Amino acid sequence: MQLCYDMSYFCGLSIEEVKTLTGMDDHLFNHSLAALRFSHLANAVSRLHGKVAQAMWSKYQGICPIIYITNAQNWTYWADKQLYKKLEEGDNFWWDDRKQYLKKRSFDIVADQTGRLFSPDIFTIVWSRRFAGYKRADLIARDKKRFTDLLNNKKYPVQIIWAGKPYPMDYPAINDFNYLVQLSKEYHQVAVLIGYELSLSKRLKQAADCWLNNPRVPREASGTSGMTAAMNGALNFSTNDGWIPEFIKHGINGFLIGKSDYSNMTVPEQDEYDLNSLYDVLQNQILPLFYEQKENWRQIVKNGMNDVRVQFDSGRMVTEYYQKLYI
């Protein structure tokens, strides 16, 4: 609080006046608590985030109510309109052909950046977003034997792409990124791309058969990359965190990793549980579905495309901000 005062953060108010206004008695200034005490209403960015935020701040007096308005993405910008057109027409042949084309076009970027030649016929997993420790980019690769067996499986071949950026000073996330770059040199079916601008993000979602999202529950406030992945014909495979509890119906429009209650687990136990669940669902449900039950696979992906279009379009979100928060 003294540092904030010395830097004129309080606009001329004394420290004692700040303590009186904010109800903070010690020497630390809690920005979030000040905001929650000065606000009429606040919102979380998913239903689960709302529950977590309410529990986090419930021990403090004088805070405003916390509601939730789940994040969304702009369908008009992100969605592949040809995929949706073929979905609406029920033209499965051309739907498959369009997805194959999108994958092939995206793999040109993989080849340009890494020299790896990926096949559009092979099941492709993409993990692509900001690198942060709780997002566990390396989770699928933590068990080296299982990872190697997965990539050596001739019956159900797999390709994996990682991409994204860590914050400049986030050294654990930078280490994760560097580890995956080194790992990619050991396997010809693995690629790590540099950068994560809008155009690359869209291409990677079009490249994905499976959009992998495995943050440590309940650390992800919302997360929206899976929304735009679904808009481009990718299956969401995720831990039950952020916006996912409002979307995925396991085996119907996506697949879940693990369970939603980890209250009795340590962090290593939670990571181990999720790793086991990830491999169990991937190897015993998702891969056989993709390679042996194409009709069912396609229908699950289409269900995801339909379910995400209205519920998680930015028009719904903006309407809720107006109706629930600003009025």
C-alpha atoms as a PDB file:
ATOM      1  CA  MET A   1       0.000   0.000   0.000  1.00  0.00           C
ATOM      2  CA  GLN A   2       2.895   2.355   0.744  1.00  0.00           C
ATOM      3  CA  LEU A   3       4.352   1.757  -2.715  1.00  0.00           C
ATOM      4  CA  CYS A   4       1.004   2.547  -4.345  1.00  0.00           C
ATOM      5  CA  TYR A   5       0.820   5.734  -2.277  1.00  0.00           C
ATOM      6  CA  ASP A   6       4.372   6.783  -3.203  1.00  0.00           C
ATOM      7  CA  MET A   7       3.498   6.361  -6.890  1.00  0.00           C
ATOM      8  CA  SER A   8       0.345   8.531  -6.548  1.00  0.00           C
ATOM      9  CA  TYR A   9      -1.903   5.547  -7.206  1.00  0.00           C
ATOM     10  CA  PHE A  10      -4.528   6.872  -4.756  1.00  0.00           C
ATOM     11  CA  CYS A  11      -4.947  10.292  -6.402  1.00  0.00           C
ATOM     12  CA  GLY A  12      -4.053  12.331  -3.350  1.00  0.00           C
ATOM     13  CA  LEU A  13      -5.890  10.299  -0.710  1.00  0.00           C
ATOM     14  CA  SER A  14      -3.937   9.397   2.378  1.00  0.00           C
ATOM     15  CA  ILE A  15      -3.225   5.770   3.259  1.00  0.00           C
ATOM     16  CA  GLU A  16      -5.615   6.044   6.213  1.00  0.00           C
ATOM     17  CA  GLU A  17      -8.374   7.310   3.928  1.00  0.00           C
ATOM     18  CA  VAL A  18      -7.727   4.432   1.510  1.00  0.00           C
ATOM     19  CA  LYS A  19      -7.914   1.918   4.344  1.00  0.00           C
ATOM     20  CA  THR A  20     -11.215   3.422   5.512  1.00  0.00           C
ATOM     21  CA  LEU A  21     -12.724   3.434   1.992  1.00  0.00           C
ATOM     22  CA  THR A  22     -11.613  -0.086   1.075  1.00  0.00           C
ATOM     23  CA  GLY A  23     -11.938  -1.745   4.476  1.00  0.00           C
ATOM     24  CA  MET A  24      -8.354  -3.001   4.264  1.00  0.00           C
ATOM     25  CA  ASP A  25      -6.519  -2.868   7.585  1.00  0.00           C
ATOM     26  CA  ASP A  26      -3.045  -4.150   6.768  1.00  0.00           C
ATOM     27  CA  HIS A  27      -0.224  -2.858   4.542  1.00  0.00           C
ATOM     28  CA  LEU A  28      -1.265  -4.799   1.426  1.00  0.00           C
ATOM     29  CA  PHE A  29      -3.569  -3.311  -1.208  1.00  0.00           C
ATOM     30  CA  ASN A  30      -5.854  -5.942  -2.790  1.00  0.00           C
ATOM     31  CA  HIS A  31      -6.964  -4.589  -6.159  1.00  0.00           C
ATOM     32  CA  SER A  32      -9.623  -7.260  -6.731  1.00  0.00           C
ATOM     33  CA  LEU A  33     -11.140  -6.762  -3.304  1.00  0.00           C
ATOM     34  CA  ALA A  34     -11.266  -2.994  -3.811  1.00  0.00           C
ATOM     35  CA  ALA A  35     -13.016  -3.498  -7.154  1.00  0.00           C
ATOM     36  CA  LEU A  36     -15.552  -5.941  -5.684  1.00  0.00           C
ATOM     37  CA  ARG A  37     -16.326  -3.559  -2.797  1.00  0.00           C
ATOM     38  CA  PHE A  38     -16.693  -0.492  -5.050  1.00  0.00           C
ATOM     39  CA  SER A  39     -18.789  -2.256  -7.717  1.00  0.00           C
ATOM     40  CA  HIS A  40     -22.541  -2.709  -7.860  1.00  0.00           C
ATOM     41  CA  LEU A  41     -22.268  -6.035  -9.696  1.00  0.00           C
ATOM     42  CA  ALA A  42     -19.472  -8.278 -11.018  1.00  0.00           C
ATOM     43  CA  ASN A  43     -19.414 -11.225 -13.387  1.00  0.00           C
ATOM     44  CA  ALA A  44     -17.406 -14.390 -13.801  1.00  0.00           C
ATOM     45  CA  VAL A  45     -16.823 -15.727 -17.321  1.00  0.00           C
ATOM     46  CA  SER A  46     -18.334 -19.222 -16.997  1.00  0.00           C
ATOM     47  CA  ARG A  47     -20.764 -20.992 -14.680  1.00  0.00           C
ATOM     48  CA  LEU A  48     -17.959 -22.915 -12.953  1.00  0.00           C
ATOM     49  CA  HIS A  49     -15.863 -19.751 -12.666  1.00  0.00           C
ATOM     50  CA  GLY A  50     -18.845 -18.122 -10.974  1.00  0.00           C
ATOM     51  CA  LYS A  51     -18.995 -20.867  -8.352  1.00  0.00           C
ATOM     52  CA  VAL A  52     -15.245 -20.721  -7.756  1.00  0.00           C
ATOM     53  CA  ALA A  53     -15.201 -16.918  -7.559  1.00  0.00           C
ATOM     54  CA  GLN A  54     -18.141 -16.828  -5.134  1.00  0.00           C
ATOM     55  CA  ALA A  55     -16.408 -19.355  -2.890  1.00  0.00           C
ATOM     56  CA  MET A  56     -13.087 -17.483  -3.091  1.00  0.00           C
ATOM     57  CA  TRP A  57     -14.514 -14.108  -2.062  1.00  0.00           C
ATOM     58  CA  SER A  58     -17.274 -15.232   0.316  1.00  0.00           C
ATOM     59  CA  LYS A  59     -15.015 -14.749   3.365  1.00  0.00           C
ATOM     60  CA  TYR A  60     -14.821 -11.000   2.712  1.00  0.00           C
ATOM     61  CA  GLN A  61     -17.476  -8.547   3.864  1.00  0.00           C
ATOM     62  CA  GLY A  62     -19.042  -5.872   1.701  1.00  0.00           C
ATOM     63  CA  ILE A  63     -18.404  -7.302  -1.767  1.00  0.00           C
ATOM     64  CA  CYS A  64     -20.918  -7.000  -4.577  1.00  0.00           C
ATOM     65  CA  PRO A  65     -22.841 -10.005  -5.975  1.00  0.00           C
ATOM     66  CA  ILE A  66     -20.929 -12.129  -8.508  1.00  0.00           C
ATOM     67  CA  ILE A  67     -22.959 -13.546 -11.393  1.00  0.00           C
ATOM     68  CA  TYR A  68     -21.618 -15.380 -14.439  1.00  0.00           C
ATOM     69  CA  ILE A  69     -21.762 -14.655 -18.154  1.00  0.00           C
ATOM     70  CA  THR A  70     -19.981 -17.360 -20.117  1.00  0.00           C
ATOM     71  CA  ASN A  71     -17.502 -16.216 -22.745  1.00  0.00           C
ATOM     72  CA  ALA A  72     -18.172 -16.838 -26.421  1.00  0.00           C
ATOM     73  CA  GLN A  73     -16.623 -16.504 -29.867  1.00  0.00           C
ATOM     74  CA  ASN A  74     -17.754 -14.818 -33.074  1.00  0.00           C
ATOM     75  CA  TRP A  75     -19.206 -17.562 -35.268  1.00  0.00           C
ATOM     76  CA  THR A  76     -19.230 -15.307 -38.329  1.00  0.00           C
ATOM     77  CA  TYR A  77     -15.461 -14.788 -38.114  1.00  0.00           C
ATOM     78  CA  TRP A  78     -14.296 -18.226 -37.002  1.00  0.00           C
ATOM     79  CA  ALA A  79     -16.612 -20.821 -38.532  1.00  0.00           C
ATOM     80  CA  ASP A  80     -15.862 -22.612 -41.782  1.00  0.00           C
ATOM     81  CA  LYS A  81     -19.052 -21.823 -43.688  1.00  0.00           C
ATOM     82  CA  GLN A  82     -18.588 -24.662 -46.197  1.00  0.00           C
ATOM     83  CA  LEU A  83     -18.513 -27.253 -43.407  1.00  0.00           C
ATOM     84  CA  TYR A  84     -21.723 -25.841 -41.965  1.00  0.00           C
ATOM     85  CA  LYS A  85     -23.332 -25.736 -45.405  1.00  0.00           C
ATOM     86  CA  LYS A  86     -22.582 -29.416 -46.013  1.00  0.00           C
ATOM     87  CA  LEU A  87     -23.782 -30.224 -42.490  1.00  0.00           C
ATOM     88  CA  GLU A  88     -27.119 -28.516 -43.164  1.00  0.00           C
ATOM     89  CA  GLU A  89     -27.457 -30.236 -46.534  1.00  0.00           C
ATOM     90  CA  GLY A  90     -26.660 -33.620 -44.987  1.00  0.00           C
ATOM     91  CA  ASP A  91     -23.968 -34.173 -47.608  1.00  0.00           C
ATOM     92  CA  ASN A  92     -21.547 -36.418 -45.727  1.00  0.00           C
ATOM     93  CA  PHE A  93     -19.304 -37.099 -48.716  1.00  0.00           C
ATOM     94  CA  TRP A  94     -18.614 -33.431 -49.300  1.00  0.00           C
ATOM     95  CA  TRP A  95     -18.417 -32.724 -45.559  1.00  0.00           C
ATOM     96  CA  ASP A  96     -15.619 -35.302 -45.292  1.00  0.00           C
ATOM     97  CA  ASP A  97     -13.973 -33.908 -48.418  1.00  0.00           C
ATOM     98  CA  ARG A  98     -14.047 -30.360 -47.030  1.00  0.00           C
ATOM     99  CA  LYS A  99     -12.505 -31.426 -43.712  1.00  0.00           C
ATOM    100  CA  GLN A 100      -9.781 -33.311 -45.571  1.00  0.00           C
ATOM    101  CA  TYR A 101      -9.053 -30.216 -47.645  1.00  0.00           C
ATOM    102  CA  LEU A 102      -8.872 -28.000 -44.539  1.00  0.00           C
ATOM    103  CA  LYS A 103      -6.424 -30.398 -42.901  1.00  0.00           C
ATOM    104  CA  LYS A 104      -4.247 -30.664 -46.000  1.00  0.00           C
ATOM    105  CA  ARG A 105      -4.092 -26.884 -46.414  1.00  0.00           C
ATOM    106  CA  SER A 106      -3.169 -26.425 -42.761  1.00  0.00           C
ATOM    107  CA  PHE A 107      -0.446 -29.058 -42.977  1.00  0.00           C
ATOM    108  CA  ASP A 108       1.319 -26.881 -45.550  1.00  0.00           C
ATOM    109  CA  ILE A 109       2.047 -24.491 -42.659  1.00  0.00           C
ATOM    110  CA  VAL A 110       3.384 -27.381 -40.577  1.00  0.00           C
ATOM    111  CA  ALA A 111       5.679 -28.348 -43.449  1.00  0.00           C
ATOM    112  CA  ASP A 112       6.848 -24.751 -43.948  1.00  0.00           C
ATOM    113  CA  GLN A 113       7.732 -24.288 -40.278  1.00  0.00           C
ATOM    114  CA  THR A 114       9.022 -27.710 -39.295  1.00  0.00           C
ATOM    115  CA  GLY A 115       9.694 -29.757 -42.422  1.00  0.00           C
ATOM    116  CA  ARG A 116       7.250 -32.414 -41.180  1.00  0.00           C
ATOM    117  CA  LEU A 117       4.889 -33.886 -43.781  1.00  0.00           C
ATOM    118  CA  PHE A 118       1.582 -34.715 -42.127  1.00  0.00           C
ATOM    119  CA  SER A 119      -1.168 -36.774 -43.752  1.00  0.00           C
ATOM    120  CA  PRO A 120      -4.818 -35.623 -43.764  1.00  0.00           C
ATOM    121  CA  ASP A 121      -5.848 -39.287 -43.420  1.00  0.00           C
ATOM    122  CA  ILE A 122      -4.238 -39.641 -39.974  1.00  0.00           C
ATOM    123  CA  PHE A 123      -5.948 -38.704 -36.711  1.00  0.00           C
ATOM    124  CA  THR A 124      -4.576 -35.312 -35.713  1.00  0.00           C
ATOM    125  CA  ILE A 125      -4.472 -33.969 -32.156  1.00  0.00           C
ATOM    126  CA  VAL A 126      -3.852 -30.256 -31.686  1.00  0.00           C
ATOM    127  CA  TRP A 127      -2.957 -28.521 -28.418  1.00  0.00           C
ATOM    128  CA  SER A 128      -2.740 -24.836 -29.193  1.00  0.00           C
ATOM    129  CA  ARG A 129      -3.208 -21.846 -26.856  1.00  0.00           C
ATOM    130  CA  ARG A 130      -1.225 -19.728 -24.397  1.00  0.00           C
ATOM    131  CA  PHE A 131       1.421 -21.735 -22.578  1.00  0.00           C
ATOM    132  CA  ALA A 132       0.893 -21.656 -18.810  1.00  0.00           C
ATOM    133  CA  GLY A 133       1.711 -24.185 -16.118  1.00  0.00           C
ATOM    134  CA  TYR A 134      -1.873 -24.987 -15.167  1.00  0.00           C
ATOM    135  CA  LYS A 135      -2.796 -25.643 -18.810  1.00  0.00           C
ATOM    136  CA  ARG A 136      -0.370 -28.612 -18.777  1.00  0.00           C
ATOM    137  CA  ALA A 137       0.712 -28.555 -22.410  1.00  0.00           C
ATOM    138  CA  ASP A 138       2.993 -31.527 -21.821  1.00  0.00           C
ATOM    139  CA  LEU A 139       0.490 -33.737 -19.979  1.00  0.00           C
ATOM    140  CA  ILE A 140       0.030 -36.301 -22.759  1.00  0.00           C
ATOM    141  CA  ALA A 141       3.829 -36.634 -23.051  1.00  0.00           C
ATOM    142  CA  ARG A 142       4.654 -37.003 -19.345  1.00  0.00           C
ATOM    143  CA  ASP A 143       4.597 -40.799 -19.530  1.00  0.00           C
ATOM    144  CA  LYS A 144       7.253 -41.354 -22.187  1.00  0.00           C
ATOM    145  CA  LYS A 145       6.484 -45.038 -22.704  1.00  0.00           C
ATOM    146  CA  ARG A 146       2.776 -44.466 -23.195  1.00  0.00           C
ATOM    147  CA  PHE A 147       3.492 -41.528 -25.467  1.00  0.00           C
ATOM    148  CA  THR A 148       5.877 -43.558 -27.587  1.00  0.00           C
ATOM    149  CA  ASP A 149       3.424 -46.469 -27.779  1.00  0.00           C
ATOM    150  CA  LEU A 150       0.670 -44.067 -28.850  1.00  0.00           C
ATOM    151  CA  LEU A 151       2.762 -42.714 -31.706  1.00  0.00           C
ATOM    152  CA  ASN A 152       3.989 -46.175 -32.738  1.00  0.00           C
ATOM    153  CA  ASN A 153       0.488 -47.669 -32.955  1.00  0.00           C
ATOM    154  CA  LYS A 154       0.107 -48.796 -36.580  1.00  0.00           C
ATOM    155  CA  LYS A 155      -3.574 -49.679 -36.178  1.00  0.00           C
ATOM    156  CA  TYR A 156      -4.551 -46.224 -34.932  1.00  0.00           C
ATOM    157  CA  PRO A 157      -1.854 -43.787 -36.142  1.00  0.00           C
ATOM    158  CA  VAL A 158      -1.710 -40.363 -34.519  1.00  0.00           C
ATOM    159  CA  GLN A 159      -0.180 -36.969 -35.354  1.00  0.00           C
ATOM    160  CA  ILE A 160       0.226 -34.229 -32.723  1.00  0.00           C
ATOM    161  CA  ILE A 161       0.698 -30.484 -33.144  1.00  0.00           C
ATOM    162  CA  TRP A 162       1.549 -28.018 -30.381  1.00  0.00           C
ATOM    163  CA  ALA A 163       1.512 -24.257 -30.849  1.00  0.00           C
ATOM    164  CA  GLY A 164       1.190 -21.144 -28.738  1.00  0.00           C
ATOM    165  CA  LYS A 165       3.120 -18.582 -26.759  1.00  0.00           C
ATOM    166  CA  PRO A 166       4.169 -18.231 -23.125  1.00  0.00           C
ATOM    167  CA  TYR A 167       4.363 -14.841 -21.462  1.00  0.00           C
ATOM    168  CA  PRO A 168       7.935 -13.427 -21.772  1.00  0.00           C
ATOM    169  CA  MET A 169       8.793 -13.792 -18.060  1.00  0.00           C
ATOM    170  CA  ASP A 170       6.858 -17.009 -17.415  1.00  0.00           C
ATOM    171  CA  TYR A 171       9.900 -19.268 -17.165  1.00  0.00           C
ATOM    172  CA  PRO A 172       8.060 -22.516 -16.251  1.00  0.00           C
ATOM    173  CA  ALA A 173       5.854 -22.084 -19.341  1.00  0.00           C
ATOM    174  CA  ILE A 174       8.903 -21.256 -21.460  1.00  0.00           C
ATOM    175  CA  ASN A 175      10.540 -24.447 -20.196  1.00  0.00           C
ATOM    176  CA  ASP A 176       7.425 -26.439 -21.173  1.00  0.00           C
ATOM    177  CA  PHE A 177       7.564 -24.974 -24.655  1.00  0.00           C
ATOM    178  CA  ASN A 178      11.277 -25.699 -25.035  1.00  0.00           C
ATOM    179  CA  TYR A 179      10.775 -29.252 -23.749  1.00  0.00           C
ATOM    180  CA  LEU A 180       8.141 -29.913 -26.394  1.00  0.00           C
ATOM    181  CA  VAL A 181      10.376 -28.501 -29.123  1.00  0.00           C
ATOM    182  CA  GLN A 182      13.090 -30.956 -28.064  1.00  0.00           C
ATOM    183  CA  LEU A 183      10.538 -33.763 -27.841  1.00  0.00           C
ATOM    184  CA  SER A 184       9.347 -33.082 -31.391  1.00  0.00           C
ATOM    185  CA  LYS A 185      12.832 -33.918 -32.673  1.00  0.00           C
ATOM    186  CA  GLU A 186      12.395 -37.508 -31.476  1.00  0.00           C
ATOM    187  CA  TYR A 187       9.122 -38.259 -33.309  1.00  0.00           C
ATOM    188  CA  HIS A 188       8.343 -37.595 -36.956  1.00  0.00           C
ATOM    189  CA  GLN A 189       4.592 -37.345 -36.152  1.00  0.00           C
ATOM    190  CA  VAL A 190       5.065 -34.443 -33.716  1.00  0.00           C
ATOM    191  CA  ALA A 191       5.381 -30.760 -34.600  1.00  0.00           C
ATOM    192  CA  VAL A 192       5.684 -27.571 -32.551  1.00  0.00           C
ATOM    193  CA  LEU A 193       4.797 -24.372 -34.378  1.00  0.00           C
ATOM    194  CA  ILE A 194       6.038 -20.889 -33.568  1.00  0.00           C
ATOM    195  CA  GLY A 195       3.583 -18.035 -33.106  1.00  0.00           C
ATOM    196  CA  TYR A 196      -0.131 -17.994 -32.525  1.00  0.00           C
ATOM    197  CA  GLU A 197      -1.724 -15.161 -34.472  1.00  0.00           C
ATOM    198  CA  LEU A 198      -5.362 -15.242 -35.582  1.00  0.00           C
ATOM    199  CA  SER A 199      -4.678 -16.737 -39.006  1.00  0.00           C
ATOM    200  CA  LEU A 200      -2.521 -19.552 -37.604  1.00  0.00           C
ATOM    201  CA  SER A 201      -5.036 -20.180 -34.835  1.00  0.00           C
ATOM    202  CA  LYS A 202      -7.811 -20.678 -37.387  1.00  0.00           C
ATOM    203  CA  ARG A 203      -5.698 -22.992 -39.532  1.00  0.00           C
ATOM    204  CA  LEU A 204      -4.778 -25.150 -36.546  1.00  0.00           C
ATOM    205  CA  LYS A 205      -8.423 -25.577 -35.619  1.00  0.00           C
ATOM    206  CA  GLN A 206      -9.111 -26.646 -39.179  1.00  0.00           C
ATOM    207  CA  ALA A 207      -6.179 -29.066 -38.968  1.00  0.00           C
ATOM    208  CA  ALA A 208      -7.505 -30.738 -35.829  1.00  0.00           C
ATOM    209  CA  ASP A 209      -9.589 -33.870 -35.639  1.00  0.00           C
ATOM    210  CA  CYS A 210      -9.231 -33.608 -31.862  1.00  0.00           C
ATOM    211  CA  TRP A 211      -8.793 -30.335 -29.977  1.00  0.00           C
ATOM    212  CA  LEU A 212      -7.006 -31.298 -26.767  1.00  0.00           C
ATOM    213  CA  ASN A 213      -7.587 -29.107 -23.708  1.00  0.00           C
ATOM    214  CA  ASN A 214      -6.357 -30.337 -20.336  1.00  0.00           C
ATOM    215  CA  PRO A 215      -6.089 -27.505 -17.789  1.00  0.00           C
ATOM    216  CA  ARG A 216      -5.895 -28.400 -14.116  1.00  0.00           C
ATOM    217  CA  VAL A 217      -9.464 -28.079 -12.766  1.00  0.00           C
ATOM    218  CA  PRO A 218     -10.627 -25.504 -11.628  1.00  0.00           C
ATOM    219  CA  ARG A 219      -7.882 -23.139 -12.791  1.00  0.00           C
ATOM    220  CA  GLU A 220      -9.351 -22.241 -16.205  1.00  0.00           C
ATOM    221  CA  ALA A 221     -11.819 -19.374 -15.835  1.00  0.00           C
ATOM    222  CA  SER A 222     -13.382 -19.955 -19.243  1.00  0.00           C
ATOM    223  CA  GLY A 223     -11.120 -20.769 -22.189  1.00  0.00           C
ATOM    224  CA  THR A 224     -12.638 -20.329 -25.641  1.00  0.00           C
ATOM    225  CA  SER A 225     -10.317 -22.038 -28.128  1.00  0.00           C
ATOM    226  CA  GLY A 226     -12.460 -25.169 -28.113  1.00  0.00           C
ATOM    227  CA  MET A 227     -15.462 -23.142 -29.225  1.00  0.00           C
ATOM    228  CA  THR A 228     -13.743 -22.048 -32.429  1.00  0.00           C
ATOM    229  CA  ALA A 229     -12.275 -25.522 -32.911  1.00  0.00           C
ATOM    230  CA  ALA A 230     -15.799 -26.980 -32.916  1.00  0.00           C
ATOM    231  CA  MET A 231     -16.795 -24.327 -35.469  1.00  0.00           C
ATOM    232  CA  ASN A 232     -14.183 -25.870 -37.775  1.00  0.00           C
ATOM    233  CA  GLY A 233     -15.096 -29.527 -37.427  1.00  0.00           C
ATOM    234  CA  ALA A 234     -12.814 -30.503 -34.526  1.00  0.00           C
ATOM    235  CA  LEU A 235     -13.850 -32.716 -31.634  1.00  0.00           C
ATOM    236  CA  ASN A 236     -13.365 -31.247 -28.154  1.00  0.00           C
ATOM    237  CA  PHE A 237     -11.468 -33.532 -25.764  1.00  0.00           C
ATOM    238  CA  SER A 238     -11.126 -31.691 -22.475  1.00  0.00           C
ATOM    239  CA  THR A 239     -11.009 -31.698 -18.715  1.00  0.00           C
ATOM    240  CA  ASN A 240     -14.282 -30.536 -17.207  1.00  0.00           C
ATOM    241  CA  ASP A 241     -13.151 -26.951 -16.616  1.00  0.00           C
ATOM    242  CA  GLY A 242     -14.051 -23.443 -17.728  1.00  0.00           C
ATOM    243  CA  TRP A 243     -16.879 -23.351 -20.269  1.00  0.00           C
ATOM    244  CA  ILE A 244     -16.710 -27.115 -20.903  1.00  0.00           C
ATOM    245  CA  PRO A 245     -19.232 -28.201 -18.172  1.00  0.00           C
ATOM    246  CA  GLU A 246     -21.837 -26.124 -20.028  1.00  0.00           C
ATOM    247  CA  PHE A 247     -21.046 -27.777 -23.358  1.00  0.00           C
ATOM    248  CA  ILE A 248     -19.682 -31.308 -23.494  1.00  0.00           C
ATOM    249  CA  LYS A 249     -22.006 -34.268 -23.231  1.00  0.00           C
ATOM    250  CA  HIS A 250     -19.527 -37.146 -23.127  1.00  0.00           C
ATOM    251  CA  GLY A 251     -19.704 -39.288 -26.243  1.00  0.00           C
ATOM    252  CA  ILE A 252     -22.425 -37.135 -27.799  1.00  0.00           C
ATOM    253  CA  ASN A 253     -20.741 -33.863 -28.798  1.00  0.00           C
ATOM    254  CA  GLY A 254     -17.248 -34.329 -27.311  1.00  0.00           C
ATOM    255  CA  PHE A 255     -15.275 -36.283 -24.727  1.00  0.00           C
ATOM    256  CA  LEU A 256     -14.256 -35.522 -21.143  1.00  0.00           C
ATOM    257  CA  ILE A 257     -11.012 -36.195 -19.294  1.00  0.00           C
ATOM    258  CA  GLY A 258     -11.251 -37.063 -15.615  1.00  0.00           C
ATOM    259  CA  LYS A 259     -13.951 -35.857 -13.246  1.00  0.00           C
ATOM    260  CA  SER A 260     -15.092 -32.510 -11.879  1.00  0.00           C
ATOM    261  CA  ASP A 261     -14.329 -32.997  -8.155  1.00  0.00           C
ATOM    262  CA  TYR A 262     -10.652 -33.108  -7.191  1.00  0.00           C
ATOM    263  CA  SER A 263     -11.072 -31.726  -3.679  1.00  0.00           C
ATOM    264  CA  ASN A 264      -9.386 -34.696  -1.967  1.00  0.00           C
ATOM    265  CA  MET A 265      -6.448 -34.931  -4.384  1.00  0.00           C
ATOM    266  CA  THR A 266      -3.017 -33.356  -4.253  1.00  0.00           C
ATOM    267  CA  VAL A 267      -1.758 -31.685  -7.438  1.00  0.00           C
ATOM    268  CA  PRO A 268       0.447 -34.686  -8.413  1.00  0.00           C
ATOM    269  CA  GLU A 269      -2.483 -37.049  -7.776  1.00  0.00           C
ATOM    270  CA  GLN A 270      -4.767 -34.913  -9.899  1.00  0.00           C
ATOM    271  CA  ASP A 271      -2.228 -34.823 -12.743  1.00  0.00           C
ATOM    272  CA  GLU A 272      -1.752 -38.595 -12.570  1.00  0.00           C
ATOM    273  CA  TYR A 273      -5.505 -39.205 -12.534  1.00  0.00           C
ATOM    274  CA  ASP A 274      -6.053 -36.957 -15.534  1.00  0.00           C
ATOM    275  CA  LEU A 275      -3.170 -38.533 -17.447  1.00  0.00           C
ATOM    276  CA  ASN A 276      -4.625 -42.016 -16.932  1.00  0.00           C
ATOM    277  CA  SER A 277      -8.088 -40.824 -17.914  1.00  0.00           C
ATOM    278  CA  LEU A 278      -6.743 -39.051 -21.004  1.00  0.00           C
ATOM    279  CA  TYR A 279      -5.097 -42.207 -22.320  1.00  0.00           C
ATOM    280  CA  ASP A 280      -8.037 -44.422 -21.382  1.00  0.00           C
ATOM    281  CA  VAL A 281     -10.582 -42.301 -23.253  1.00  0.00           C
ATOM    282  CA  LEU A 282      -8.282 -41.568 -26.195  1.00  0.00           C
ATOM    283  CA  GLN A 283      -7.178 -45.150 -26.808  1.00  0.00           C
ATOM    284  CA  ASN A 284     -10.390 -46.994 -25.940  1.00  0.00           C
ATOM    285  CA  GLN A 285     -13.073 -44.615 -27.165  1.00  0.00           C
ATOM    286  CA  ILE A 286     -11.881 -41.834 -29.462  1.00  0.00           C
ATOM    287  CA  LEU A 287      -9.377 -43.593 -31.723  1.00  0.00           C
ATOM    288  CA  PRO A 288     -11.553 -46.687 -32.414  1.00  0.00           C
ATOM    289  CA  LEU A 289     -14.445 -44.341 -33.158  1.00  0.00           C
ATOM    290  CA  PHE A 290     -12.417 -42.300 -35.646  1.00  0.00           C
ATOM    291  CA  TYR A 291     -10.941 -45.248 -37.513  1.00  0.00           C
ATOM    292  CA  GLU A 292     -13.709 -47.867 -37.274  1.00  0.00           C
ATOM    293  CA  GLN A 293     -17.017 -46.022 -36.823  1.00  0.00           C
ATOM    294  CA  LYS A 294     -16.795 -43.081 -39.222  1.00  0.00           C
ATOM    295  CA  GLU A 295     -20.521 -42.397 -39.254  1.00  0.00           C
ATOM    296  CA  ASN A 296     -20.678 -42.103 -35.478  1.00  0.00           C
ATOM    297  CA  TRP A 297     -17.502 -40.032 -35.380  1.00  0.00           C
ATOM    298  CA  ARG A 298     -18.836 -37.569 -37.938  1.00  0.00           C
ATOM    299  CA  GLN A 299     -22.145 -37.255 -36.091  1.00  0.00           C
ATOM    300  CA  ILE A 300     -20.437 -36.439 -32.779  1.00  0.00           C
ATOM    301  CA  VAL A 301     -18.364 -33.729 -34.482  1.00  0.00           C
ATOM    302  CA  LYS A 302     -21.490 -32.340 -36.160  1.00  0.00           C
ATOM    303  CA  ASN A 303     -23.316 -32.326 -32.823  1.00  0.00           C
ATOM    304  CA  GLY A 304     -20.482 -30.213 -31.435  1.00  0.00           C
ATOM    305  CA  MET A 305     -20.704 -27.834 -34.392  1.00  0.00           C
ATOM    306  CA  ASN A 306     -24.440 -27.380 -33.893  1.00  0.00           C
ATOM    307  CA  ASP A 307     -24.305 -27.051 -30.111  1.00  0.00           C
ATOM    308  CA  VAL A 308     -21.571 -24.418 -30.135  1.00  0.00           C
ATOM    309  CA  ARG A 309     -23.129 -22.261 -32.841  1.00  0.00           C
ATOM    310  CA  VAL A 310     -25.902 -20.607 -30.823  1.00  0.00           C
ATOM    311  CA  GLN A 311     -25.006 -21.137 -27.178  1.00  0.00           C
ATOM    312  CA  PHE A 312     -21.426 -19.956 -27.547  1.00  0.00           C
ATOM    313  CA  ASP A 313     -21.727 -17.296 -30.241  1.00  0.00           C
ATOM    314  CA  SER A 314     -20.710 -13.770 -29.236  1.00  0.00           C
ATOM    315  CA  GLY A 315     -24.223 -12.479 -29.991  1.00  0.00           C
ATOM    316  CA  ARG A 316     -25.552 -14.459 -27.035  1.00  0.00           C
ATOM    317  CA  MET A 317     -22.763 -13.191 -24.815  1.00  0.00           C
ATOM    318  CA  VAL A 318     -23.288  -9.530 -25.706  1.00  0.00           C
ATOM    319  CA  THR A 319     -27.029  -9.868 -25.108  1.00  0.00           C
ATOM    320  CA  GLU A 320     -26.381 -11.351 -21.666  1.00  0.00           C
ATOM    321  CA  TYR A 321     -23.945  -8.567 -20.754  1.00  0.00           C
ATOM    322  CA  TYR A 322     -26.611  -6.011 -21.658  1.00  0.00           C
ATOM    323  CA  GLN A 323     -29.520  -7.777 -19.961  1.00  0.00           C
ATOM    324  CA  LYS A 324     -27.797  -9.205 -16.866  1.00  0.00           C
ATOM    325  CA  LEU A 325     -25.046  -6.700 -16.117  1.00  0.00           C
ATOM    326  CA  TYR A 326     -25.405  -3.268 -17.690  1.00  0.00           C
ATOM    327  CA  ILE A 327     -29.150  -2.679 -17.254  1.00  0.00           C
END
